[in-house]
Amino acid sequence: MQYKHSITMDIRLKSMLNIFILCYLLISRVPFLYLLILQLS
C-alpha cells in the first residue's frame, strides 16, 4: 500500500517537473520570439 502511494507521488512529481521544464522553455523562448517578430515587422 505504501509502495503504491509512493509510485503515484513519483508520477505526480515527474509530471509537475515536466510542466515546470515546459514553462521554463517557453519563458526562455519569449525574448527570441520577440526579436523574431521585430525582425519580421
PDB file of N, CA and C in Angstrom:
ATOM      1  N   MET A   1       0.846  -1.203   0.000  1.00  0.00           N
ATOM      2  CA  MET A   1       0.000   0.000   0.000  1.00  0.00           C
ATOM      3  C   MET A   1       0.884   1.257   0.000  1.00  0.00           C
ATOM      4  N   GLN A   2       1.818   1.288   0.912  1.00  0.00           N
ATOM      5  CA  GLN A   2       2.729   2.426   0.992  1.00  0.00           C
ATOM      6  C   GLN A   2       3.543   2.573  -0.292  1.00  0.00           C
ATOM      7  N   TYR A   3       3.941   1.438  -0.848  1.00  0.00           N
ATOM      8  CA  TYR A   3       4.744   1.445  -2.067  1.00  0.00           C
ATOM      9  C   TYR A   3       3.950   2.037  -3.237  1.00  0.00           C
ATOM     10  N   LYS A   4       2.700   1.626  -3.325  1.00  0.00           N
ATOM     11  CA  LYS A   4       1.849   2.126  -4.400  1.00  0.00           C
ATOM     12  C   LYS A   4       1.657   3.639  -4.273  1.00  0.00           C
ATOM     13  N   HIS A   5       1.475   4.083  -3.060  1.00  0.00           N
ATOM     14  CA  HIS A   5       1.295   5.513  -2.826  1.00  0.00           C
ATOM     15  C   HIS A   5       2.533   6.290  -3.267  1.00  0.00           C
ATOM     16  N   SER A   6       3.690   5.763  -2.957  1.00  0.00           N
ATOM     17  CA  SER A   6       4.924   6.451  -3.331  1.00  0.00           C
ATOM     18  C   SER A   6       5.079   6.488  -4.852  1.00  0.00           C
ATOM     19  N   ILE A   7       4.584   5.457  -5.535  1.00  0.00           N
ATOM     20  CA  ILE A   7       4.650   5.447  -7.001  1.00  0.00           C
ATOM     21  C   ILE A   7       3.765   6.554  -7.578  1.00  0.00           C
ATOM     22  N   THR A   8       2.564   6.688  -7.063  1.00  0.00           N
ATOM     23  CA  THR A   8       1.679   7.741  -7.565  1.00  0.00           C
ATOM     24  C   THR A   8       2.265   9.118  -7.269  1.00  0.00           C
ATOM     25  N   MET A   9       2.875   9.278  -6.122  1.00  0.00           N
ATOM     26  CA  MET A   9       3.524  10.538  -5.789  1.00  0.00           C
ATOM     27  C   MET A   9       4.656  10.817  -6.759  1.00  0.00           C
ATOM     28  N   ASP A  10       5.403   9.783  -7.100  1.00  0.00           N
ATOM     29  CA  ASP A  10       6.526   9.939  -8.012  1.00  0.00           C
ATOM     30  C   ASP A  10       6.032  10.382  -9.389  1.00  0.00           C
ATOM     31  N   ILE A  11       4.964   9.772  -9.856  1.00  0.00           N
ATOM     32  CA  ILE A  11       4.392  10.140 -11.161  1.00  0.00           C
ATOM     33  C   ILE A  11       3.917  11.591 -11.137  1.00  0.00           C
ATOM     34  N   ARG A  12       3.269  11.971 -10.054  1.00  0.00           N
ATOM     35  CA  ARG A  12       2.781  13.342  -9.926  1.00  0.00           C
ATOM     36  C   ARG A  12       3.946  14.323  -9.912  1.00  0.00           C
ATOM     37  N   LEU A  13       4.996  13.962  -9.193  1.00  0.00           N
ATOM     38  CA  LEU A  13       6.169  14.820  -9.111  1.00  0.00           C
ATOM     39  C   LEU A  13       6.815  14.977 -10.480  1.00  0.00           C
ATOM     40  N   LYS A  14       6.908  13.875 -11.212  1.00  0.00           N
ATOM     41  CA  LYS A  14       7.513  13.933 -12.546  1.00  0.00           C
ATOM     42  C   LYS A  14       6.683  14.784 -13.489  1.00  0.00           C
ATOM     43  N   SER A  15       5.377  14.670 -13.411  1.00  0.00           N
ATOM     44  CA  SER A  15       4.522  15.475 -14.283  1.00  0.00           C
ATOM     45  C   SER A  15       4.657  16.961 -13.940  1.00  0.00           C
ATOM     46  N   MET A  16       4.758  17.272 -12.649  1.00  0.00           N
ATOM     47  CA  MET A  16       4.972  18.655 -12.237  1.00  0.00           C
ATOM     48  C   MET A  16       6.304  19.166 -12.761  1.00  0.00           C
ATOM     49  N   LEU A  17       7.315  18.323 -12.693  1.00  0.00           N
ATOM     50  CA  LEU A  17       8.638  18.699 -13.181  1.00  0.00           C
ATOM     51  C   LEU A  17       8.586  18.960 -14.683  1.00  0.00           C
ATOM     52  N   ASN A  18       7.869  18.112 -15.406  1.00  0.00           N
ATOM     53  CA  ASN A  18       7.735  18.295 -16.855  1.00  0.00           C
ATOM     54  C   ASN A  18       7.051  19.619 -17.175  1.00  0.00           C
ATOM     55  N   ILE A  19       6.016  19.949 -16.430  1.00  0.00           N
ATOM     56  CA  ILE A  19       5.304  21.212 -16.637  1.00  0.00           C
ATOM     57  C   ILE A  19       6.233  22.384 -16.349  1.00  0.00           C
ATOM     58  N   PHE A  20       7.020  22.261 -15.287  1.00  0.00           N
ATOM     59  CA  PHE A  20       7.962  23.312 -14.929  1.00  0.00           C
ATOM     60  C   PHE A  20       8.988  23.520 -16.034  1.00  0.00           C
ATOM     61  N   ILE A  21       9.516  22.415 -16.566  1.00  0.00           N
ATOM     62  CA  ILE A  21      10.509  22.492 -17.641  1.00  0.00           C
ATOM     63  C   ILE A  21       9.886  23.113 -18.890  1.00  0.00           C
ATOM     64  N   LEU A  22       8.662  22.728 -19.195  1.00  0.00           N
ATOM     65  CA  LEU A  22       7.969  23.301 -20.355  1.00  0.00           C
ATOM     66  C   LEU A  22       7.792  24.812 -20.190  1.00  0.00           C
ATOM     67  N   CYS A  23       7.375  25.215 -19.011  1.00  0.00           N
ATOM     68  CA  CYS A  23       7.195  26.643 -18.743  1.00  0.00           C
ATOM     69  C   CYS A  23       8.518  27.378 -18.861  1.00  0.00           C
ATOM     70  N   TYR A  24       9.579  26.778 -18.330  1.00  0.00           N
ATOM     71  CA  TYR A  24      10.899  27.397 -18.407  1.00  0.00           C
ATOM     72  C   TYR A  24      11.338  27.568 -19.856  1.00  0.00           C
ATOM     73  N   LEU A  25      11.121  26.536 -20.657  1.00  0.00           N
ATOM     74  CA  LEU A  25      11.493  26.611 -22.073  1.00  0.00           C
ATOM     75  C   LEU A  25      10.694  27.697 -22.786  1.00  0.00           C
ATOM     76  N   LEU A  26       9.404  27.756 -22.498  1.00  0.00           N
ATOM     77  CA  LEU A  26       8.565  28.782 -23.124  1.00  0.00           C
ATOM     78  C   LEU A  26       9.036  30.183 -22.742  1.00  0.00           C
ATOM     79  N   ILE A  27       9.320  30.376 -21.463  1.00  0.00           N
ATOM     80  CA  ILE A  27       9.761  31.683 -20.981  1.00  0.00           C
ATOM     81  C   ILE A  27      11.111  32.056 -21.588  1.00  0.00           C
ATOM     82  N   SER A  28      11.984  31.083 -21.712  1.00  0.00           N
ATOM     83  CA  SER A  28      13.300  31.368 -22.279  1.00  0.00           C
ATOM     84  C   SER A  28      13.207  31.649 -23.780  1.00  0.00           C
ATOM     85  N   ARG A  29      12.147  31.161 -24.405  1.00  0.00           N
ATOM     86  CA  ARG A  29      11.972  31.399 -25.844  1.00  0.00           C
ATOM     87  C   ARG A  29      11.329  32.754 -26.125  1.00  0.00           C
ATOM     88  N   VAL A  30      10.684  33.323 -25.136  1.00  0.00           N
ATOM     89  CA  VAL A  30       9.940  34.566 -25.354  1.00  0.00           C
ATOM     90  C   VAL A  30      10.812  35.685 -25.936  1.00  0.00           C
ATOM     91  N   PRO A  31      11.999  35.978 -25.394  1.00  0.00           N
ATOM     92  CA  PRO A  31      12.830  37.036 -25.987  1.00  0.00           C
ATOM     93  C   PRO A  31      13.178  36.741 -27.441  1.00  0.00           C
ATOM     94  N   PHE A  32      13.460  35.476 -27.727  1.00  0.00           N
ATOM     95  CA  PHE A  32      13.791  35.086 -29.093  1.00  0.00           C
ATOM     96  C   PHE A  32      12.613  35.349 -30.031  1.00  0.00           C
ATOM     97  N   LEU A  33      11.419  34.966 -29.594  1.00  0.00           N
ATOM     98  CA  LEU A  33      10.224  35.203 -30.407  1.00  0.00           C
ATOM     99  C   LEU A  33       9.987  36.697 -30.588  1.00  0.00           C
ATOM    100  N   TYR A  34      10.225  37.444 -29.540  1.00  0.00           N
ATOM    101  CA  TYR A  34      10.045  38.896 -29.609  1.00  0.00           C
ATOM    102  C   TYR A  34      10.998  39.512 -30.633  1.00  0.00           C
ATOM    103  N   LEU A  35      12.251  39.083 -30.592  1.00  0.00           N
ATOM    104  CA  LEU A  35      13.228  39.568 -31.566  1.00  0.00           C
ATOM    105  C   LEU A  35      12.840  39.162 -32.981  1.00  0.00           C
ATOM    106  N   LEU A  36      12.349  37.944 -33.110  1.00  0.00           N
ATOM    107  CA  LEU A  36      11.934  37.454 -34.424  1.00  0.00           C
ATOM    108  C   LEU A  36      10.789  38.309 -34.976  1.00  0.00           C
ATOM    109  N   ILE A  37       9.837  38.636 -34.126  1.00  0.00           N
ATOM    110  CA  ILE A  37       8.709  39.476 -34.550  1.00  0.00           C
ATOM    111  C   ILE A  37       9.213  40.863 -34.937  1.00  0.00           C
ATOM    112  N   LEU A  38      10.164  41.383 -34.179  1.00  0.00           N
ATOM    113  CA  LEU A  38      10.727  42.688 -34.511  1.00  0.00           C
ATOM    114  C   LEU A  38      11.438  42.640 -35.858  1.00  0.00           C
ATOM    115  N   GLN A  39      12.132  41.556 -36.122  1.00  0.00           N
ATOM    116  CA  GLN A  39      12.837  41.407 -37.394  1.00  0.00           C
ATOM    117  C   GLN A  39      11.856  41.343 -38.558  1.00  0.00           C
ATOM    118  N   LEU A  40      10.759  40.627 -38.361  1.00  0.00           N
ATOM    119  CA  LEU A  40       9.796  40.440 -39.445  1.00  0.00           C
ATOM    120  C   LEU A  40       8.993  41.704 -39.739  1.00  0.00           C
ATOM    121  N   SER A  41       8.724  42.478 -38.715  1.00  0.00           N
ATOM    122  CA  SER A  41       7.876  43.650 -38.914  1.00  0.00           C
ATOM    123  C   SER A  41       8.637  44.858 -39.468  1.00  0.00           C
TER     124      SER A  41
END
